[in-house]
Amino acid sequence: MRHFATESGKSKGQFYTPAEVSRILAKVIGITPDTPQDATVYDPTCGSGSLLLKVNDEARRGLSIFGQEMDNATSALARMNMILHNNATAKIWQGNTLSDPQWKEANGN
């Protein structure tokens, strides 16, 4: 799946986040094995979802996963990736994050 995501996205200017970079980002935002299960993680440009999965792995208890991806095929790939990695409850939305952000608070923030 990683090879497909990497190769299919290159022609569209999409790039895969390497696993080590994902692990470092998880640590930078404070995700640890002790992170509570009710914590959430959001990627506004989630691609195939690899960053979301690695961040979730660092938590070890699981997180509520949210993502948005503009490309239809890539967002479908992200949803499939979530299911394959036992994260079927992840919410991946297809659409433009800038013009139509999906994961906002009730007050619009």
PDB file of N, CA and C in Angstrom:
ATOM      1  N   MET A   1       0.831  -1.180   0.000  1.00  0.00           N
ATOM      2  CA  MET A   1       0.000   0.000   0.000  1.00  0.00           C
ATOM      3  C   MET A   1       0.879   1.248   0.000  1.00  0.00           C
ATOM      4  N   ARG A   2       1.966   1.232   0.781  1.00  0.00           N
ATOM      5  CA  ARG A   2       2.848   2.394   0.833  1.00  0.00           C
ATOM      6  C   ARG A   2       3.402   2.706  -0.548  1.00  0.00           C
ATOM      7  N   HIS A   3       3.815   1.662  -1.296  1.00  0.00           N
ATOM      8  CA  HIS A   3       4.353   1.871  -2.644  1.00  0.00           C
ATOM      9  C   HIS A   3       3.289   2.488  -3.545  1.00  0.00           C
ATOM     10  N   PHE A   4       2.062   1.972  -3.483  1.00  0.00           N
ATOM     11  CA  PHE A   4       0.979   2.516  -4.304  1.00  0.00           C
ATOM     12  C   PHE A   4       0.726   3.976  -3.960  1.00  0.00           C
ATOM     13  N   ALA A   5       0.647   4.278  -2.676  1.00  0.00           N
ATOM     14  CA  ALA A   5       0.377   5.654  -2.244  1.00  0.00           C
ATOM     15  C   ALA A   5       1.501   6.585  -2.671  1.00  0.00           C
ATOM     16  N   THR A   6       2.733   6.120  -2.548  1.00  0.00           N
ATOM     17  CA  THR A   6       3.884   6.944  -2.913  1.00  0.00           C
ATOM     18  C   THR A   6       3.914   7.215  -4.401  1.00  0.00           C
ATOM     19  N   GLU A   7       3.771   6.175  -5.201  1.00  0.00           N
ATOM     20  CA  GLU A   7       3.877   6.316  -6.649  1.00  0.00           C
ATOM     21  C   GLU A   7       2.673   7.026  -7.260  1.00  0.00           C
ATOM     22  N   SER A   8       1.477   6.723  -6.781  1.00  0.00           N
ATOM     23  CA  SER A   8       0.288   7.321  -7.389  1.00  0.00           C
ATOM     24  C   SER A   8       0.182   8.811  -7.090  1.00  0.00           C
ATOM     25  N   GLY A   9       0.714   9.243  -5.967  1.00  0.00           N
ATOM     26  CA  GLY A   9       0.602  10.644  -5.600  1.00  0.00           C
ATOM     27  C   GLY A   9       1.629  11.554  -6.223  1.00  0.00           C
ATOM     28  N   LYS A  10       2.751  11.014  -6.677  1.00  0.00           N
ATOM     29  CA  LYS A  10       3.826  11.853  -7.205  1.00  0.00           C
ATOM     30  C   LYS A  10       3.381  12.703  -8.382  1.00  0.00           C
ATOM     31  N   SER A  11       2.591  12.133  -9.275  1.00  0.00           N
ATOM     32  CA  SER A  11       2.164  12.886 -10.454  1.00  0.00           C
ATOM     33  C   SER A  11       1.225  14.039 -10.084  1.00  0.00           C
ATOM     34  N   LYS A  12       0.639  13.994  -8.906  1.00  0.00           N
ATOM     35  CA  LYS A  12      -0.288  15.036  -8.458  1.00  0.00           C
ATOM     36  C   LYS A  12       0.371  15.992  -7.463  1.00  0.00           C
ATOM     37  N   GLY A  13       1.672  15.825  -7.246  1.00  0.00           N
ATOM     38  CA  GLY A  13       2.359  16.666  -6.271  1.00  0.00           C
ATOM     39  C   GLY A  13       2.099  16.250  -4.837  1.00  0.00           C
ATOM     40  N   GLN A  14       1.698  15.002  -4.630  1.00  0.00           N
ATOM     41  CA  GLN A  14       1.429  14.480  -3.293  1.00  0.00           C
ATOM     42  C   GLN A  14       2.608  13.621  -2.868  1.00  0.00           C
ATOM     43  N   PHE A  15       2.984  13.725  -1.602  1.00  0.00           N
ATOM     44  CA  PHE A  15       4.137  12.977  -1.127  1.00  0.00           C
ATOM     45  C   PHE A  15       3.831  12.288   0.188  1.00  0.00           C
ATOM     46  N   TYR A  16       4.373  11.102   0.342  1.00  0.00           N
ATOM     47  CA  TYR A  16       4.200  10.243   1.496  1.00  0.00           C
ATOM     48  C   TYR A  16       5.083  10.735   2.642  1.00  0.00           C
ATOM     49  N   THR A  17       4.562  10.767   3.863  1.00  0.00           N
ATOM     50  CA  THR A  17       5.348  11.145   5.037  1.00  0.00           C
ATOM     51  C   THR A  17       6.096   9.917   5.541  1.00  0.00           C
ATOM     52  N   PRO A  18       7.433   9.945   5.550  1.00  0.00           N
ATOM     53  CA  PRO A  18       8.207   8.792   6.040  1.00  0.00           C
ATOM     54  C   PRO A  18       7.847   8.447   7.490  1.00  0.00           C
ATOM     55  N   ALA A  19       7.917   7.156   7.828  1.00  0.00           N
ATOM     56  CA  ALA A  19       7.525   6.676   9.155  1.00  0.00           C
ATOM     57  C   ALA A  19       8.290   7.382  10.271  1.00  0.00           C
ATOM     58  N   GLU A  20       9.584   7.582  10.107  1.00  0.00           N
ATOM     59  CA  GLU A  20      10.363   8.221  11.170  1.00  0.00           C
ATOM     60  C   GLU A  20       9.930   9.672  11.385  1.00  0.00           C
ATOM     61  N   VAL A  21       9.612  10.372  10.316  1.00  0.00           N
ATOM     62  CA  VAL A  21       9.114  11.746  10.441  1.00  0.00           C
ATOM     63  C   VAL A  21       7.779  11.735  11.189  1.00  0.00           C
ATOM     64  N   SER A  22       6.932  10.771  10.884  1.00  0.00           N
ATOM     65  CA  SER A  22       5.638  10.656  11.576  1.00  0.00           C
ATOM     66  C   SER A  22       5.830  10.418  13.066  1.00  0.00           C
ATOM     67  N   ARG A  23       6.774   9.554  13.423  1.00  0.00           N
ATOM     68  CA  ARG A  23       7.041   9.287  14.843  1.00  0.00           C
ATOM     69  C   ARG A  23       7.532  10.555  15.554  1.00  0.00           C
ATOM     70  N   ILE A  24       8.415  11.293  14.890  1.00  0.00           N
ATOM     71  CA  ILE A  24       8.930  12.533  15.480  1.00  0.00           C
ATOM     72  C   ILE A  24       7.800  13.547  15.661  1.00  0.00           C
ATOM     73  N   LEU A  25       6.943  13.675  14.651  1.00  0.00           N
ATOM     74  CA  LEU A  25       5.811  14.603  14.760  1.00  0.00           C
ATOM     75  C   LEU A  25       4.895  14.225  15.923  1.00  0.00           C
ATOM     76  N   ALA A  26       4.684  12.924  16.121  1.00  0.00           N
ATOM     77  CA  ALA A  26       3.856  12.472  17.243  1.00  0.00           C
ATOM     78  C   ALA A  26       4.457  12.935  18.564  1.00  0.00           C
ATOM     79  N   LYS A  27       5.766  12.826  18.686  1.00  0.00           N
ATOM     80  CA  LYS A  27       6.429  13.257  19.919  1.00  0.00           C
ATOM     81  C   LYS A  27       6.378  14.777  20.078  1.00  0.00           C
ATOM     82  N   VAL A  28       6.547  15.506  18.978  1.00  0.00           N
ATOM     83  CA  VAL A  28       6.507  16.970  19.025  1.00  0.00           C
ATOM     84  C   VAL A  28       5.152  17.469  19.532  1.00  0.00           C
ATOM     85  N   ILE A  29       4.070  16.809  19.119  1.00  0.00           N
ATOM     86  CA  ILE A  29       2.739  17.253  19.561  1.00  0.00           C
ATOM     87  C   ILE A  29       2.326  16.631  20.898  1.00  0.00           C
ATOM     88  N   GLY A  30       3.238  15.856  21.500  1.00  0.00           N
ATOM     89  CA  GLY A  30       2.998  15.350  22.846  1.00  0.00           C
ATOM     90  C   GLY A  30       2.284  14.021  22.942  1.00  0.00           C
ATOM     91  N   ILE A  31       2.242  13.252  21.868  1.00  0.00           N
ATOM     92  CA  ILE A  31       1.611  11.932  21.916  1.00  0.00           C
ATOM     93  C   ILE A  31       2.596  10.943  22.533  1.00  0.00           C
ATOM     94  N   THR A  32       2.173  10.271  23.596  1.00  0.00           N
ATOM     95  CA  THR A  32       3.002   9.280  24.287  1.00  0.00           C
ATOM     96  C   THR A  32       2.154   8.033  24.549  1.00  0.00           C
ATOM     97  N   PRO A  33       2.771   6.957  25.027  1.00  0.00           N
ATOM     98  CA  PRO A  33       1.969   5.778  25.385  1.00  0.00           C
ATOM     99  C   PRO A  33       0.922   6.069  26.462  1.00  0.00           C
ATOM    100  N   ASP A  34       1.109   7.143  27.225  1.00  0.00           N
ATOM    101  CA  ASP A  34       0.161   7.506  28.289  1.00  0.00           C
ATOM    102  C   ASP A  34      -0.946   8.448  27.829  1.00  0.00           C
ATOM    103  N   THR A  35      -0.949   8.821  26.560  1.00  0.00           N
ATOM    104  CA  THR A  35      -1.987   9.719  26.046  1.00  0.00           C
ATOM    105  C   THR A  35      -3.352   9.056  26.241  1.00  0.00           C
ATOM    106  N   PRO A  36      -4.317   9.766  26.834  1.00  0.00           N
ATOM    107  CA  PRO A  36      -5.631   9.155  27.089  1.00  0.00           C
ATOM    108  C   PRO A  36      -6.350   8.756  25.800  1.00  0.00           C
ATOM    109  N   GLN A  37      -7.157   7.724  25.907  1.00  0.00           N
ATOM    110  CA  GLN A  37      -7.857   7.179  24.748  1.00  0.00           C
ATOM    111  C   GLN A  37      -8.860   8.162  24.155  1.00  0.00           C
ATOM    112  N   ASP A  38      -9.333   9.118  24.930  1.00  0.00           N
ATOM    113  CA  ASP A  38     -10.309  10.069  24.399  1.00  0.00           C
ATOM    114  C   ASP A  38      -9.659  11.255  23.679  1.00  0.00           C
ATOM    115  N   ALA A  39      -8.339  11.242  23.539  1.00  0.00           N
ATOM    116  CA  ALA A  39      -7.644  12.307  22.802  1.00  0.00           C
ATOM    117  C   ALA A  39      -7.946  12.172  21.308  1.00  0.00           C
ATOM    118  N   THR A  40      -7.848  13.293  20.603  1.00  0.00           N
ATOM    119  CA  THR A  40      -8.106  13.276  19.163  1.00  0.00           C
ATOM    120  C   THR A  40      -6.876  13.727  18.394  1.00  0.00           C
ATOM    121  N   VAL A  41      -6.802  13.276  17.151  1.00  0.00           N
ATOM    122  CA  VAL A  41      -5.746  13.701  16.242  1.00  0.00           C
ATOM    123  C   VAL A  41      -6.401  14.037  14.904  1.00  0.00           C
ATOM    124  N   TYR A  42      -5.937  15.135  14.291  1.00  0.00           N
ATOM    125  CA  TYR A  42      -6.520  15.604  13.036  1.00  0.00           C
ATOM    126  C   TYR A  42      -5.408  15.962  12.065  1.00  0.00           C
ATOM    127  N   ASP A  43      -5.538  15.510  10.830  1.00  0.00           N
ATOM    128  CA  ASP A  43      -4.604  15.873   9.761  1.00  0.00           C
ATOM    129  C   ASP A  43      -5.432  16.484   8.637  1.00  0.00           C
ATOM    130  N   PRO A  44      -5.282  17.799   8.394  1.00  0.00           N
ATOM    131  CA  PRO A  44      -6.098  18.466   7.374  1.00  0.00           C
ATOM    132  C   PRO A  44      -5.708  18.123   5.942  1.00  0.00           C
ATOM    133  N   THR A  45      -4.568  17.488   5.765  1.00  0.00           N
ATOM    134  CA  THR A  45      -4.115  17.056   4.433  1.00  0.00           C
ATOM    135  C   THR A  45      -3.594  15.634   4.576  1.00  0.00           C
ATOM    136  N   CYS A  46      -4.485  14.700   4.894  1.00  0.00           N
ATOM    137  CA  CYS A  46      -4.065  13.382   5.383  1.00  0.00           C
ATOM    138  C   CYS A  46      -3.529  12.424   4.333  1.00  0.00           C
ATOM    139  N   GLY A  47      -3.718  12.703   3.058  1.00  0.00           N
ATOM    140  CA  GLY A  47      -3.200  11.776   2.050  1.00  0.00           C
ATOM    141  C   GLY A  47      -3.724  10.375   2.289  1.00  0.00           C
ATOM    142  N   SER A  48      -2.824   9.390   2.308  1.00  0.00           N
ATOM    143  CA  SER A  48      -3.231   8.000   2.513  1.00  0.00           C
ATOM    144  C   SER A  48      -3.416   7.655   3.987  1.00  0.00           C
ATOM    145  N   GLY A  49      -3.177   8.607   4.881  1.00  0.00           N
ATOM    146  CA  GLY A  49      -3.413   8.395   6.304  1.00  0.00           C
ATOM    147  C   GLY A  49      -2.233   7.863   7.092  1.00  0.00           C
ATOM    148  N   SER A  50      -1.061   7.777   6.481  1.00  0.00           N
ATOM    149  CA  SER A  50       0.087   7.179   7.167  1.00  0.00           C
ATOM    150  C   SER A  50       0.492   7.959   8.417  1.00  0.00           C
ATOM    151  N   LEU A  51       0.450   9.274   8.360  1.00  0.00           N
ATOM    152  CA  LEU A  51       0.802  10.077   9.536  1.00  0.00           C
ATOM    153  C   LEU A  51      -0.194   9.826  10.665  1.00  0.00           C
ATOM    154  N   LEU A  52      -1.471   9.789  10.358  1.00  0.00           N
ATOM    155  CA  LEU A  52      -2.486   9.523  11.377  1.00  0.00           C
ATOM    156  C   LEU A  52      -2.268   8.162  12.032  1.00  0.00           C
ATOM    157  N   LEU A  53      -1.936   7.161  11.234  1.00  0.00           N
ATOM    158  CA  LEU A  53      -1.718   5.819  11.772  1.00  0.00           C
ATOM    159  C   LEU A  53      -0.497   5.765  12.681  1.00  0.00           C
ATOM    160  N   LYS A  54       0.587   6.411  12.285  1.00  0.00           N
ATOM    161  CA  LYS A  54       1.800   6.404  13.113  1.00  0.00           C
ATOM    162  C   LYS A  54       1.572   7.153  14.423  1.00  0.00           C
ATOM    163  N   VAL A  55       0.882   8.272  14.370  1.00  0.00           N
ATOM    164  CA  VAL A  55       0.575   9.016  15.590  1.00  0.00           C
ATOM    165  C   VAL A  55      -0.295   8.149  16.502  1.00  0.00           C
ATOM    166  N   ASN A  56      -1.270   7.478  15.930  1.00  0.00           N
ATOM    167  CA  ASN A  56      -2.133   6.584  16.700  1.00  0.00           C
ATOM    168  C   ASN A  56      -1.323   5.448  17.328  1.00  0.00           C
ATOM    169  N   ASP A  57      -0.367   4.907  16.595  1.00  0.00           N
ATOM    170  CA  ASP A  57       0.482   3.833  17.123  1.00  0.00           C
ATOM    171  C   ASP A  57       1.296   4.298  18.330  1.00  0.00           C
ATOM    172  N   GLU A  58       1.761   5.533  18.303  1.00  0.00           N
ATOM    173  CA  GLU A  58       2.554   6.061  19.416  1.00  0.00           C
ATOM    174  C   GLU A  58       1.724   6.149  20.690  1.00  0.00           C
ATOM    175  N   ALA A  59       0.419   6.371  20.558  1.00  0.00           N
ATOM    176  CA  ALA A  59      -0.454   6.500  21.732  1.00  0.00           C
ATOM    177  C   ALA A  59      -0.700   5.154  22.401  1.00  0.00           C
ATOM    178  N   ARG A  60      -0.645   4.096  21.670  1.00  0.00           N
ATOM    179  CA  ARG A  60      -0.839   2.723  22.136  1.00  0.00           C
ATOM    180  C   ARG A  60      -2.246   2.410  22.635  1.00  0.00           C
ATOM    181  N   ARG A  61      -2.996   3.395  23.090  1.00  0.00           N
ATOM    182  CA  ARG A  61      -4.371   3.146  23.549  1.00  0.00           C
ATOM    183  C   ARG A  61      -5.376   3.487  22.466  1.00  0.00           C
ATOM    184  N   GLY A  62      -4.900   4.056  21.404  1.00  0.00           N
ATOM    185  CA  GLY A  62      -5.794   4.473  20.337  1.00  0.00           C
ATOM    186  C   GLY A  62      -6.292   5.888  20.559  1.00  0.00           C
ATOM    187  N   LEU A  63      -6.565   6.563  19.493  1.00  0.00           N
ATOM    188  CA  LEU A  63      -7.043   7.940  19.516  1.00  0.00           C
ATOM    189  C   LEU A  63      -8.279   8.040  18.639  1.00  0.00           C
ATOM    190  N   SER A  64      -9.008   9.116  18.773  1.00  0.00           N
ATOM    191  CA  SER A  64     -10.072   9.414  17.816  1.00  0.00           C
ATOM    192  C   SER A  64      -9.398  10.088  16.632  1.00  0.00           C
ATOM    193  N   ILE A  65      -9.527   9.483  15.462  1.00  0.00           N
ATOM    194  CA  ILE A  65      -8.798   9.928  14.274  1.00  0.00           C
ATOM    195  C   ILE A  65      -9.721  10.674  13.327  1.00  0.00           C
ATOM    196  N   PHE A  66      -9.264  11.859  12.889  1.00  0.00           N
ATOM    197  CA  PHE A  66      -9.984  12.675  11.921  1.00  0.00           C
ATOM    198  C   PHE A  66      -9.008  13.136  10.850  1.00  0.00           C
ATOM    199  N   GLY A  67      -9.458  13.120   9.612  1.00  0.00           N
ATOM    200  CA  GLY A  67      -8.612  13.597   8.530  1.00  0.00           C
ATOM    201  C   GLY A  67      -9.445  14.120   7.379  1.00  0.00           C
ATOM    202  N   GLN A  68      -8.811  14.910   6.547  1.00  0.00           N
ATOM    203  CA  GLN A  68      -9.457  15.411   5.337  1.00  0.00           C
ATOM    204  C   GLN A  68      -8.432  15.375   4.216  1.00  0.00           C
ATOM    205  N   GLU A  69      -8.879  15.000   3.028  1.00  0.00           N
ATOM    206  CA  GLU A  69      -8.014  14.901   1.855  1.00  0.00           C
ATOM    207  C   GLU A  69      -8.792  15.373   0.641  1.00  0.00           C
ATOM    208  N   MET A  70      -8.173  16.228  -0.160  1.00  0.00           N
ATOM    209  CA  MET A  70      -8.856  16.791  -1.323  1.00  0.00           C
ATOM    210  C   MET A  70      -9.068  15.756  -2.433  1.00  0.00           C
ATOM    211  N   ASP A  71      -8.080  14.927  -2.685  1.00  0.00           N
ATOM    212  CA  ASP A  71      -8.157  13.977  -3.794  1.00  0.00           C
ATOM    213  C   ASP A  71      -9.087  12.811  -3.444  1.00  0.00           C
ATOM    214  N   ASN A  72     -10.040  12.534  -4.307  1.00  0.00           N
ATOM    215  CA  ASN A  72     -11.036  11.494  -4.051  1.00  0.00           C
ATOM    216  C   ASN A  72     -10.404  10.111  -3.904  1.00  0.00           C
ATOM    217  N   ALA A  73      -9.528   9.736  -4.832  1.00  0.00           N
ATOM    218  CA  ALA A  73      -8.905   8.407  -4.783  1.00  0.00           C
ATOM    219  C   ALA A  73      -8.028   8.267  -3.543  1.00  0.00           C
ATOM    220  N   THR A  74      -7.308   9.316  -3.202  1.00  0.00           N
ATOM    221  CA  THR A  74      -6.419   9.256  -2.043  1.00  0.00           C
ATOM    222  C   THR A  74      -7.209   9.214  -0.742  1.00  0.00           C
ATOM    223  N   SER A  75      -8.320   9.925  -0.666  1.00  0.00           N
ATOM    224  CA  SER A  75      -9.138   9.859   0.550  1.00  0.00           C
ATOM    225  C   SER A  75      -9.742   8.462   0.710  1.00  0.00           C
ATOM    226  N   ALA A  76     -10.102   7.832  -0.399  1.00  0.00           N
ATOM    227  CA  ALA A  76     -10.598   6.451  -0.339  1.00  0.00           C
ATOM    228  C   ALA A  76      -9.488   5.514   0.135  1.00  0.00           C
ATOM    229  N   LEU A  77      -8.274   5.753  -0.333  1.00  0.00           N
ATOM    230  CA  LEU A  77      -7.125   4.968   0.103  1.00  0.00           C
ATOM    231  C   LEU A  77      -6.896   5.149   1.604  1.00  0.00           C
ATOM    232  N   ALA A  78      -7.056   6.363   2.102  1.00  0.00           N
ATOM    233  CA  ALA A  78      -6.901   6.618   3.541  1.00  0.00           C
ATOM    234  C   ALA A  78      -7.947   5.852   4.347  1.00  0.00           C
ATOM    235  N   ARG A  79      -9.195   5.866   3.887  1.00  0.00           N
ATOM    236  CA  ARG A  79     -10.245   5.118   4.598  1.00  0.00           C
ATOM    237  C   ARG A  79      -9.923   3.623   4.604  1.00  0.00           C
ATOM    238  N   MET A  80      -9.473   3.105   3.466  1.00  0.00           N
ATOM    239  CA  MET A  80      -9.100   1.693   3.387  1.00  0.00           C
ATOM    240  C   MET A  80      -7.926   1.400   4.319  1.00  0.00           C
ATOM    241  N   ASN A  81      -6.954   2.292   4.353  1.00  0.00           N
ATOM    242  CA  ASN A  81      -5.791   2.134   5.219  1.00  0.00           C
ATOM    243  C   ASN A  81      -6.216   2.078   6.687  1.00  0.00           C
ATOM    244  N   MET A  82      -7.171   2.914   7.075  1.00  0.00           N
ATOM    245  CA  MET A  82      -7.665   2.913   8.455  1.00  0.00           C
ATOM    246  C   MET A  82      -8.304   1.561   8.791  1.00  0.00           C
ATOM    247  N   ILE A  83      -9.123   1.060   7.890  1.00  0.00           N
ATOM    248  CA  ILE A  83      -9.789  -0.229   8.116  1.00  0.00           C
ATOM    249  C   ILE A  83      -8.765  -1.350   8.232  1.00  0.00           C
ATOM    250  N   LEU A  84      -7.780  -1.364   7.330  1.00  0.00           N
ATOM    251  CA  LEU A  84      -6.754  -2.409   7.341  1.00  0.00           C
ATOM    252  C   LEU A  84      -5.912  -2.385   8.616  1.00  0.00           C
ATOM    253  N   HIS A  85      -5.836  -1.234   9.270  1.00  0.00           N
ATOM    254  CA  HIS A  85      -5.050  -1.105  10.498  1.00  0.00           C
ATOM    255  C   HIS A  85      -5.942  -1.014  11.739  1.00  0.00           C
ATOM    256  N   ASN A  86      -7.127  -1.603  11.652  1.00  0.00           N
ATOM    257  CA  ASN A  86      -8.057  -1.701  12.788  1.00  0.00           C
ATOM    258  C   ASN A  86      -8.473  -0.349  13.355  1.00  0.00           C
ATOM    259  N   ASN A  87      -8.670   0.615  12.472  1.00  0.00           N
ATOM    260  CA  ASN A  87      -9.157   1.934  12.871  1.00  0.00           C
ATOM    261  C   ASN A  87     -10.405   2.289  12.062  1.00  0.00           C
ATOM    262  N   ALA A  88     -11.333   1.359  12.016  1.00  0.00           N
ATOM    263  CA  ALA A  88     -12.528   1.536  11.184  1.00  0.00           C
ATOM    264  C   ALA A  88     -13.388   2.720  11.621  1.00  0.00           C
ATOM    265  N   THR A  89     -13.219   3.201  12.839  1.00  0.00           N
ATOM    266  CA  THR A  89     -14.016   4.335  13.308  1.00  0.00           C
ATOM    267  C   THR A  89     -13.407   5.682  12.917  1.00  0.00           C
ATOM    268  N   ALA A  90     -12.242   5.666  12.292  1.00  0.00           N
ATOM    269  CA  ALA A  90     -11.612   6.922  11.854  1.00  0.00           C
ATOM    270  C   ALA A  90     -12.537   7.650  10.885  1.00  0.00           C
ATOM    271  N   LYS A  91     -12.563   8.953  11.000  1.00  0.00           N
ATOM    272  CA  LYS A  91     -13.403   9.779  10.127  1.00  0.00           C
ATOM    273  C   LYS A  91     -12.508  10.483   9.118  1.00  0.00           C
ATOM    274  N   ILE A  92     -12.574  10.045   7.868  1.00  0.00           N
ATOM    275  CA  ILE A  92     -11.796  10.650   6.791  1.00  0.00           C
ATOM    276  C   ILE A  92     -12.780  11.284   5.819  1.00  0.00           C
ATOM    277  N   TRP A  93     -12.648  12.581   5.612  1.00  0.00           N
ATOM    278  CA  TRP A  93     -13.557  13.326   4.758  1.00  0.00           C
ATOM    279  C   TRP A  93     -12.844  13.742   3.491  1.00  0.00           C
ATOM    280  N   GLN A  94     -13.532  13.641   2.359  1.00  0.00           N
ATOM    281  CA  GLN A  94     -12.965  14.078   1.085  1.00  0.00           C
ATOM    282  C   GLN A  94     -13.410  15.500   0.813  1.00  0.00           C
ATOM    283  N   GLY A  95     -12.458  16.379   0.545  1.00  0.00           N
ATOM    284  CA  GLY A  95     -12.785  17.756   0.232  1.00  0.00           C
ATOM    285  C   GLY A  95     -11.610  18.682   0.466  1.00  0.00           C
ATOM    286  N   ASN A  96     -11.760  19.916   0.031  1.00  0.00           N
ATOM    287  CA  ASN A  96     -10.725  20.932   0.144  1.00  0.00           C
ATOM    288  C   ASN A  96     -10.745  21.527   1.554  1.00  0.00           C
ATOM    289  N   THR A  97      -9.670  21.361   2.275  1.00  0.00           N
ATOM    290  CA  THR A  97      -9.583  21.844   3.651  1.00  0.00           C
ATOM    291  C   THR A  97      -9.691  23.361   3.744  1.00  0.00           C
ATOM    292  N   LEU A  98      -9.180  24.070   2.743  1.00  0.00           N
ATOM    293  CA  LEU A  98      -9.194  25.533   2.797  1.00  0.00           C
ATOM    294  C   LEU A  98     -10.569  26.116   2.495  1.00  0.00           C
ATOM    295  N   SER A  99     -11.224  25.601   1.463  1.00  0.00           N
ATOM    296  CA  SER A  99     -12.518  26.168   1.081  1.00  0.00           C
ATOM    297  C   SER A  99     -13.709  25.487   1.755  1.00  0.00           C
ATOM    298  N   ASP A 100     -13.510  24.274   2.266  1.00  0.00           N
ATOM    299  CA  ASP A 100     -14.613  23.536   2.881  1.00  0.00           C
ATOM    300  C   ASP A 100     -14.108  22.661   4.029  1.00  0.00           C
ATOM    301  N   PRO A 101     -13.577  23.276   5.095  1.00  0.00           N
ATOM    302  CA  PRO A 101     -13.070  22.469   6.211  1.00  0.00           C
ATOM    303  C   PRO A 101     -14.214  21.732   6.905  1.00  0.00           C
ATOM    304  N   GLN A 102     -14.019  20.436   7.144  1.00  0.00           N
ATOM    305  CA  GLN A 102     -15.095  19.616   7.704  1.00  0.00           C
ATOM    306  C   GLN A 102     -15.045  19.467   9.218  1.00  0.00           C
ATOM    307  N   TRP A 103     -13.891  19.546   9.806  1.00  0.00           N
ATOM    308  CA  TRP A 103     -13.775  19.251  11.228  1.00  0.00           C
ATOM    309  C   TRP A 103     -13.578  20.547  11.998  1.00  0.00           C
ATOM    310  N   LYS A 104     -14.700  21.222  12.250  1.00  0.00           N
ATOM    311  CA  LYS A 104     -14.690  22.475  12.999  1.00  0.00           C
ATOM    312  C   LYS A 104     -15.539  22.308  14.249  1.00  0.00           C
ATOM    313  N   GLU A 105     -15.308  23.191  15.193  1.00  0.00           N
ATOM    314  CA  GLU A 105     -16.158  23.221  16.377  1.00  0.00           C
ATOM    315  C   GLU A 105     -17.506  23.813  15.995  1.00  0.00           C
ATOM    316  N   ALA A 106     -18.491  23.617  16.830  1.00  0.00           N
ATOM    317  CA  ALA A 106     -19.842  24.103  16.541  1.00  0.00           C
ATOM    318  C   ALA A 106     -19.877  25.614  16.304  1.00  0.00           C
ATOM    319  N   ASN A 107     -18.943  26.349  16.914  1.00  0.00           N
ATOM    320  CA  ASN A 107     -18.925  27.805  16.754  1.00  0.00           C
ATOM    321  C   ASN A 107     -18.185  28.247  15.489  1.00  0.00           C
ATOM    322  N   GLY A 108     -17.719  27.299  14.682  1.00  0.00           N
ATOM    323  CA  GLY A 108     -17.062  27.632  13.420  1.00  0.00           C
ATOM    324  C   GLY A 108     -15.556  27.723  13.486  1.00  0.00           C
ATOM    325  N   ASN A 109     -14.985  27.582  14.668  1.00  0.00           N
ATOM    326  CA  ASN A 109     -13.519  27.629  14.798  1.00  0.00           C
ATOM    327  C   ASN A 109     -12.886  26.341  14.336  1.00  0.00           C
TER     328      ASN A 109
END
